[in-house]
Amino acid sequence: VAAAPGGARPEVRCEGRACSATATAPGSAAAGSEGGGSAGTVPKLVGAELDEAFRGYQKFARGTPGPRVCSFDEALRRRGLSRPGGEEADAQASAKDLADELACLKAAFDLLDFADFATAMLRALEEAESARPEDVREAMGEKAARLYEHFVFIARGCGGVPAAWASACRNALAPCFAFPLLGGSEAAALAAQLRSLGALRVVDPMAGTGLHARLLHTAGLEVRASDVRPSEGIAGGAGWWPVDVRRTEEALVASPAGTSAHAVADCDAGADCADGVAAGGDTSAAAAATALLLSWPPSSSPAGLLALRRFGGGLVVLIGDRGRWTGCQGLHEELAQHWEEVWRLDILRWPRMEDDVRVFRRRR
């Protein structure tokens, strides 16, 4: 896909949606010379090399798209729409509003292309005879965050994701990125507000892909992310930040920032779980400097409520609405009774959604 540092040439072969990778270092036997180097050593794809590899993948994927792009393409066709690109798209973009909409749609396809690329590349690198590609994962996480920020920026310029295909886009992007349209600028504003309130770290017990954890880390906060089912391990999911697997049946859960561990009761079978959170009322300095992040907690399970009740710190960040789509009724009642809203940030919303970012402080 791209020339690699040191002259090694990674080769990614794709048949349909399956990819395999090999790399040959200069001077290796596979390169046709004697001694030196080794075949099967996968080079580091970071920085410019990663960007070049992704551009190469996109050229290839125009004819053989990955599974996420295929699904979104099919959803668009059912709506009488198609993927923008090439001279045809330029000819269609005669009006500014149409040009903006096409740019937004292209940004959405770039995200899905990158998720397909990352999944295929990481699988190929792990199958090759090389060390675990943590450096590649980090670079991919950083690029995913930049692409998501770009999508949010373009969509904001359009006045929101166009309603004609917003539902299909949300359904395509949410499993491999995030539900709310929270970009880097919003994460930076949230991080600044948390620091002004004394919080230096965030615990995210329903982290999903880890995208928000990465955005907040980039904004200068210490972040601990966990999930009972991280998105990377689910079909169609992805991972952009290390997310610990923490299950409800664990008898003890290590609380954030080194505070004492507390027992956690089981959630309903199959429900998302609020693991990795300290029990309520902890007055230690570490707990006081820790905020709980609840991003689009499910309305169909008490996961958000359980996390809130087990949290020992004094600040909670809720990214969601007032109960229509996010958070069970008990969660919102608990917030109203025992917490006070101290800050709110409007964010870009999907059509018919009413989510925003709110920070709550525990009532004394």
Protein backbone atom coordinates (compact mmCIF):
# COMPACT_ATOMS: atom_id res chain seq x y z
CA VAL A 1 0.00 0.00 0.00
CA ALA A 2 2.78 2.44 0.81
CA ALA A 3 6.55 2.56 0.89
CA ALA A 4 7.65 2.14 4.48
CA PRO A 5 10.54 3.55 6.55
CA GLY A 6 13.88 1.93 5.92
CA GLY A 7 12.89 0.80 2.45
CA ALA A 8 10.69 -2.10 3.62
CA ARG A 9 7.72 -2.58 1.33
CA PRO A 10 4.47 -3.69 2.96
CA GLU A 11 2.22 -5.56 0.59
CA VAL A 12 -1.46 -5.85 1.39
CA ARG A 13 -3.42 -8.27 -0.76
CA CYS A 14 -7.18 -7.93 -0.68
CA GLU A 15 -9.59 -10.47 -2.08
CA GLY A 16 -13.13 -9.27 -1.64
CA ARG A 17 -13.20 -8.01 1.95
CA ALA A 18 -10.34 -10.13 3.31
CA CYS A 19 -6.83 -8.68 3.49
CA SER A 20 -3.44 -10.14 4.30
CA ALA A 21 -0.16 -8.29 4.78
CA THR A 22 3.49 -9.13 4.31
CA ALA A 23 6.54 -6.91 4.32
CA THR A 24 10.03 -7.50 3.03
CA ALA A 25 12.99 -5.61 4.43
CA PRO A 26 15.83 -4.58 2.11
CA GLY A 27 18.55 -7.17 1.91
CA SER A 28 16.30 -10.03 2.96
CA ALA A 29 16.21 -13.33 1.15
CA ALA A 30 12.74 -12.53 -0.11
CA ALA A 31 14.12 -9.37 -1.64
CA GLY A 32 16.56 -11.41 -3.69
CA SER A 33 19.75 -10.76 -1.74
CA GLU A 34 21.70 -12.79 0.77
CA GLY A 35 21.65 -12.13 4.52
CA GLY A 36 20.43 -9.11 6.44
CA GLY A 37 16.85 -8.12 7.18
CA SER A 38 13.97 -10.51 7.55
CA ALA A 39 10.82 -11.27 5.66
CA GLY A 40 7.51 -10.81 7.45
CA THR A 41 8.53 -7.78 9.50
CA VAL A 42 5.74 -5.23 9.21
CA PRO A 43 6.97 -1.63 9.18
CA LYS A 44 5.51 1.18 11.23
CA LEU A 45 2.68 2.91 9.40
CA VAL A 46 2.53 6.22 11.22
CA GLY A 47 2.29 9.86 10.23
CA ALA A 48 2.76 10.48 6.52
CA GLU A 49 3.13 6.75 5.84
CA LEU A 50 -0.32 6.09 7.31
CA ASP A 51 -1.87 8.93 5.32
CA GLU A 52 -0.31 7.59 2.13
CA ALA A 53 -1.45 4.06 2.89
CA PHE A 54 -5.01 5.26 3.47
CA ARG A 55 -5.05 7.20 0.21
CA GLY A 56 -3.87 4.08 -1.58
CA TYR A 57 -6.60 2.05 0.10
CA GLN A 58 -9.27 4.54 -0.93
CA LYS A 59 -8.23 4.31 -4.56
CA PHE A 60 -8.50 0.54 -4.34
CA ALA A 61 -11.74 0.64 -2.37
CA ARG A 62 -13.57 2.65 -5.02
CA GLY A 63 -13.91 -0.60 -6.92
CA THR A 64 -13.98 -2.96 -3.94
CA PRO A 65 -15.41 -1.10 -0.95
CA GLY A 66 -15.28 -2.45 2.57
CA PRO A 67 -18.30 -3.75 4.50
CA ARG A 68 -19.20 -0.49 6.28
CA VAL A 69 -19.08 1.50 3.05
CA CYS A 70 -21.12 -1.17 1.27
CA SER A 71 -23.83 -1.00 3.91
CA PHE A 72 -23.99 2.80 3.81
CA ASP A 73 -23.99 2.76 0.01
CA GLU A 74 -26.96 0.40 0.02
CA ALA A 75 -28.81 2.60 2.52
CA LEU A 76 -28.24 5.61 0.26
CA ARG A 77 -29.45 3.76 -2.83
CA ARG A 78 -32.69 2.93 -1.04
CA ARG A 79 -33.10 6.70 -0.66
CA GLY A 80 -32.27 7.40 -4.30
CA LEU A 81 -28.82 8.79 -3.46
CA SER A 82 -25.26 7.77 -4.33
CA ARG A 83 -21.71 8.29 -3.16
CA PRO A 84 -20.10 11.55 -4.32
CA GLY A 85 -16.80 11.58 -6.14
CA GLY A 86 -15.02 12.46 -9.34
CA GLU A 87 -16.15 14.78 -12.12
CA GLU A 88 -19.80 13.78 -11.77
CA ALA A 89 -19.91 15.12 -8.23
CA ASP A 90 -18.17 18.35 -9.29
CA ALA A 91 -20.76 18.84 -12.03
CA GLN A 92 -23.60 18.26 -9.59
CA ALA A 93 -22.21 20.76 -7.09
CA SER A 94 -23.36 23.85 -8.97
CA ALA A 95 -25.08 25.42 -5.98
CA LYS A 96 -23.29 26.14 -2.71
CA ASP A 97 -25.79 24.27 -0.58
CA LEU A 98 -25.46 21.21 -2.77
CA ALA A 99 -21.68 21.52 -2.70
CA ASP A 100 -21.77 21.66 1.10
CA GLU A 101 -24.02 18.61 1.27
CA LEU A 102 -21.75 16.64 -1.05
CA ALA A 103 -18.72 17.64 1.03
CA CYS A 104 -20.49 16.42 4.16
CA LEU A 105 -21.42 13.15 2.51
CA LYS A 106 -17.85 12.68 1.31
CA ALA A 107 -16.57 13.29 4.85
CA ALA A 108 -18.92 10.56 6.10
CA PHE A 109 -17.61 8.15 3.48
CA ASP A 110 -14.05 9.04 4.45
CA LEU A 111 -14.83 7.99 8.03
CA LEU A 112 -16.33 4.68 6.95
CA ASP A 113 -13.49 4.07 4.49
CA PHE A 114 -11.01 4.65 7.30
CA ALA A 115 -12.83 2.30 9.66
CA ASP A 116 -12.76 -0.41 6.98
CA PHE A 117 -9.10 0.34 6.24
CA ALA A 118 -8.12 0.23 9.92
CA THR A 119 -9.93 -3.04 10.54
CA ALA A 120 -8.32 -4.73 7.54
CA MET A 121 -4.86 -3.31 8.21
CA LEU A 122 -4.78 -4.18 11.91
CA ARG A 123 -5.96 -7.69 11.21
CA ALA A 124 -3.30 -8.08 8.54
CA LEU A 125 -0.56 -6.69 10.76
CA GLU A 126 -1.51 -8.97 13.64
CA GLU A 127 -1.43 -12.00 11.36
CA ALA A 128 2.03 -11.07 10.07
CA GLU A 129 5.16 -12.14 11.95
CA SER A 130 5.77 -8.93 13.80
CA ALA A 131 5.40 -7.30 17.18
CA ARG A 132 1.97 -6.11 18.22
CA PRO A 133 1.21 -2.93 16.26
CA GLU A 134 0.54 -0.57 19.20
CA ASP A 135 2.23 2.28 17.37
CA VAL A 136 -0.03 1.76 14.36
CA ARG A 137 -3.09 1.63 16.61
CA GLU A 138 -2.11 4.93 18.19
CA ALA A 139 -1.60 6.58 14.81
CA MET A 140 -4.92 5.23 13.55
CA GLY A 141 -6.70 6.50 16.64
CA GLU A 142 -5.27 9.97 16.12
CA LYS A 143 -6.30 10.00 12.46
CA ALA A 144 -9.79 8.73 13.28
CA ALA A 145 -10.22 11.64 15.71
CA ARG A 146 -9.07 14.13 13.06
CA LEU A 147 -11.44 12.69 10.46
CA TYR A 148 -14.35 12.79 12.90
CA GLU A 149 -13.56 16.40 13.80
CA HIS A 150 -13.50 17.23 10.07
CA PHE A 151 -16.90 15.58 9.57
CA VAL A 152 -18.42 17.54 12.47
CA PHE A 153 -16.89 20.76 11.12
CA ILE A 154 -18.27 20.21 7.62
CA ALA A 155 -21.69 19.19 8.96
CA ARG A 156 -21.82 22.30 11.12
CA GLY A 157 -21.15 24.41 8.03
CA CYS A 158 -24.14 22.73 6.36
CA GLY A 159 -26.38 23.66 9.27
CA GLY A 160 -26.40 20.03 10.35
CA VAL A 161 -26.16 16.63 8.70
CA PRO A 162 -28.65 16.74 5.78
CA ALA A 163 -31.91 15.10 6.83
CA ALA A 164 -32.22 13.11 3.58
CA TRP A 165 -29.49 10.72 4.66
CA ALA A 166 -28.79 11.64 8.30
CA SER A 167 -30.49 8.57 9.76
CA ALA A 168 -28.52 6.19 7.55
CA CYS A 169 -25.32 8.08 8.34
CA ARG A 170 -25.91 7.97 12.10
CA ASN A 171 -26.59 4.24 11.98
CA ALA A 172 -23.40 3.70 9.97
CA LEU A 173 -21.07 5.91 12.03
CA ALA A 174 -22.28 5.22 15.58
CA PRO A 175 -20.98 1.63 15.94
CA CYS A 176 -17.49 2.50 14.74
CA PHE A 177 -17.14 6.06 16.05
CA ALA A 178 -19.78 7.55 18.38
CA PHE A 179 -23.44 8.51 18.62
CA PRO A 180 -23.10 12.21 19.53
CA LEU A 181 -21.52 14.70 17.15
CA LEU A 182 -18.80 15.69 19.58
CA GLY A 183 -15.58 16.83 17.92
CA GLY A 184 -12.19 17.95 19.16
CA SER A 185 -13.21 21.58 19.73
CA GLU A 186 -16.14 20.54 21.93
CA ALA A 187 -13.93 18.10 23.84
CA ALA A 188 -11.40 20.89 24.43
CA ALA A 189 -14.12 23.19 25.80
CA LEU A 190 -15.37 20.42 28.09
CA ALA A 191 -11.85 19.63 29.32
CA ALA A 192 -11.21 23.29 30.12
CA GLN A 193 -14.44 23.48 32.11
CA LEU A 194 -13.65 20.31 34.06
CA ARG A 195 -10.20 21.61 34.96
CA SER A 196 -11.75 24.86 36.17
CA LEU A 197 -13.93 22.75 38.49
CA GLY A 198 -10.95 20.79 39.80
CA ALA A 199 -11.21 17.62 37.71
CA LEU A 200 -7.98 16.33 36.17
CA ARG A 201 -9.15 12.91 35.02
CA VAL A 202 -12.22 11.23 33.58
CA VAL A 203 -13.56 7.71 33.98
CA ASP A 204 -15.65 6.48 31.05
CA PRO A 205 -17.34 3.16 31.94
CA MET A 206 -19.28 2.86 28.67
CA ALA A 207 -16.50 3.91 26.34
CA GLY A 208 -17.50 1.95 23.23
CA THR A 209 -14.92 2.77 20.56
CA GLY A 210 -12.91 4.97 22.92
CA LEU A 211 -13.26 7.99 20.61
CA HIS A 212 -14.38 10.33 23.38
CA ALA A 213 -11.61 9.04 25.63
CA ARG A 214 -9.08 9.92 22.94
CA LEU A 215 -10.57 13.38 22.36
CA LEU A 216 -10.47 14.19 26.07
CA HIS A 217 -6.95 12.82 26.41
CA THR A 218 -5.87 15.02 23.51
CA ALA A 219 -7.50 17.92 25.35
CA GLY A 220 -5.20 17.30 28.32
CA LEU A 221 -7.17 15.07 30.69
CA GLU A 222 -6.18 11.71 32.10
CA VAL A 223 -8.75 9.18 30.90
CA ARG A 224 -9.63 5.66 31.97
CA ALA A 225 -11.95 3.89 29.54
CA SER A 226 -13.77 0.59 29.97
CA ASP A 227 -16.79 -1.23 28.62
CA VAL A 228 -18.45 -4.58 29.20
CA ARG A 229 -18.34 -5.05 25.41
CA PRO A 230 -15.82 -2.72 23.76
CA SER A 231 -16.85 -1.84 20.24
CA GLU A 232 -13.64 -3.24 18.77
CA GLY A 233 -14.78 -6.74 19.71
CA ILE A 234 -18.21 -6.38 18.11
CA ALA A 235 -18.99 -6.92 14.43
CA GLY A 236 -18.96 -3.55 12.70
CA GLY A 237 -17.27 -1.87 15.66
CA ALA A 238 -13.84 -0.27 15.97
CA GLY A 239 -11.40 0.89 18.62
CA TRP A 240 -9.63 4.26 18.70
CA TRP A 241 -8.35 4.22 22.29
CA PRO A 242 -7.49 1.37 24.72
CA VAL A 243 -10.77 0.27 26.34
CA ASP A 244 -10.54 -2.21 29.23
CA VAL A 245 -13.02 -5.08 29.30
CA ARG A 246 -14.86 -4.91 32.61
CA ARG A 247 -17.78 -7.25 33.13
CA THR A 248 -20.62 -7.05 35.61
CA GLU A 249 -19.88 -10.42 37.19
CA GLU A 250 -16.49 -9.28 38.46
CA ALA A 251 -16.74 -9.31 42.24
CA LEU A 252 -14.51 -6.29 42.76
CA VAL A 253 -13.89 -3.39 40.45
CA ALA A 254 -10.76 -1.28 40.63
CA SER A 255 -11.91 2.28 41.12
CA PRO A 256 -10.28 5.21 39.27
CA ALA A 257 -7.33 7.18 40.54
CA GLY A 258 -6.27 4.54 43.05
CA THR A 259 -9.22 4.82 45.42
CA SER A 260 -10.46 1.72 47.18
CA ALA A 261 -12.28 -0.97 45.21
CA HIS A 262 -15.98 -1.54 45.68
CA ALA A 263 -18.29 -4.42 44.94
CA VAL A 264 -20.58 -4.07 41.96
CA ALA A 265 -23.95 -5.70 41.63
CA ASP A 266 -24.90 -7.37 38.37
CA CYS A 267 -26.89 -5.53 35.75
CA ASP A 268 -29.74 -7.19 33.94
CA ALA A 269 -28.53 -9.96 31.64
CA GLY A 270 -27.41 -8.55 28.31
CA ALA A 271 -27.52 -4.92 29.46
CA ASP A 272 -24.68 -2.47 29.05
CA CYS A 273 -22.83 -2.31 32.34
CA ALA A 274 -21.37 0.49 34.40
CA ASP A 275 -18.14 -1.13 35.52
CA GLY A 276 -14.88 0.48 36.58
CA VAL A 277 -16.51 3.15 38.76
CA ALA A 278 -15.89 3.90 42.43
CA ALA A 279 -18.79 3.72 44.89
CA GLY A 280 -20.57 6.95 45.74
CA GLY A 281 -19.53 9.28 48.50
CA ASP A 282 -15.75 8.89 48.30
CA THR A 283 -14.19 12.05 49.74
CA SER A 284 -10.57 11.32 48.82
CA ALA A 285 -8.58 13.88 46.85
CA ALA A 286 -8.27 11.44 43.93
CA ALA A 287 -12.04 10.96 43.73
CA ALA A 288 -12.59 14.72 43.98
CA ALA A 289 -10.36 15.24 40.95
CA THR A 290 -12.20 12.60 38.89
CA ALA A 291 -15.27 13.15 36.72
CA LEU A 292 -17.63 10.47 35.47
CA LEU A 293 -18.48 10.54 31.76
CA LEU A 294 -21.82 9.15 30.59
CA SER A 295 -22.12 9.49 26.83
CA TRP A 296 -25.46 8.47 25.40
CA PRO A 297 -26.23 6.02 28.24
CA PRO A 298 -28.88 3.51 27.12
CA SER A 299 -32.51 4.31 27.88
CA SER A 300 -33.43 0.62 27.89
CA SER A 301 -31.18 -0.41 30.80
CA PRO A 302 -30.15 1.04 34.20
CA ALA A 303 -26.44 1.09 33.25
CA GLY A 304 -26.13 4.86 33.55
CA LEU A 305 -27.97 4.92 36.88
CA LEU A 306 -25.76 2.14 38.30
CA ALA A 307 -22.63 4.00 37.23
CA LEU A 308 -23.88 7.22 38.79
CA ARG A 309 -24.73 5.57 42.12
CA ARG A 310 -21.34 3.84 42.33
CA PHE A 311 -19.34 6.91 41.43
CA GLY A 312 -17.38 8.51 44.26
CA GLY A 313 -16.44 11.84 42.69
CA GLY A 314 -18.25 15.13 42.66
CA LEU A 315 -18.61 15.83 38.92
CA VAL A 316 -20.60 14.04 36.22
CA VAL A 317 -20.61 14.76 32.49
CA LEU A 318 -23.75 13.69 30.64
CA ILE A 319 -23.76 13.73 26.86
CA GLY A 320 -27.36 13.03 25.92
CA ASP A 321 -30.89 14.36 26.06
CA ARG A 322 -33.43 14.59 28.87
CA GLY A 323 -34.63 11.03 28.61
CA ARG A 324 -36.23 10.55 25.21
CA TRP A 325 -33.36 8.61 23.68
CA THR A 326 -30.64 8.49 26.33
CA GLY A 327 -30.60 7.40 29.95
CA CYS A 328 -33.30 5.56 31.88
CA GLN A 329 -35.86 7.48 33.90
CA GLY A 330 -34.08 6.63 37.14
CA LEU A 331 -30.85 8.24 35.91
CA HIS A 332 -32.54 11.55 35.19
CA GLU A 333 -34.43 11.46 38.50
CA GLU A 334 -31.19 10.78 40.37
CA LEU A 335 -29.49 13.71 38.67
CA ALA A 336 -32.39 16.03 39.47
CA GLN A 337 -32.45 15.00 43.13
CA HIS A 338 -28.79 14.72 44.08
CA TRP A 339 -26.88 16.76 41.49
CA GLU A 340 -26.99 20.32 40.18
CA GLU A 341 -26.22 21.39 36.64
CA VAL A 342 -23.31 23.83 36.57
CA TRP A 343 -22.41 24.01 32.87
CA ARG A 344 -23.94 23.21 29.50
CA LEU A 345 -22.56 23.14 25.97
CA ASP A 346 -24.66 23.02 22.83
CA ILE A 347 -23.31 20.63 20.21
CA LEU A 348 -24.26 19.74 16.67
CA ARG A 349 -27.20 17.34 16.69
CA TRP A 350 -28.53 14.67 14.41
CA PRO A 351 -31.99 15.61 13.08
CA ARG A 352 -34.76 15.10 15.67
CA MET A 353 -32.20 14.66 18.45
CA GLU A 354 -31.92 17.00 21.44
CA ASP A 355 -28.61 16.02 23.03
CA ASP A 356 -26.06 18.39 24.52
CA VAL A 357 -23.19 18.27 27.02
CA ARG A 358 -24.00 19.00 30.65
CA VAL A 359 -21.77 18.99 33.73
CA PHE A 360 -23.32 18.24 37.11
CA ARG A 361 -21.89 18.77 40.59
CA ARG A 362 -22.96 16.65 43.55
CA ARG A 363 -25.26 18.47 45.97
CA ARG A 364 -23.91 18.74 49.50
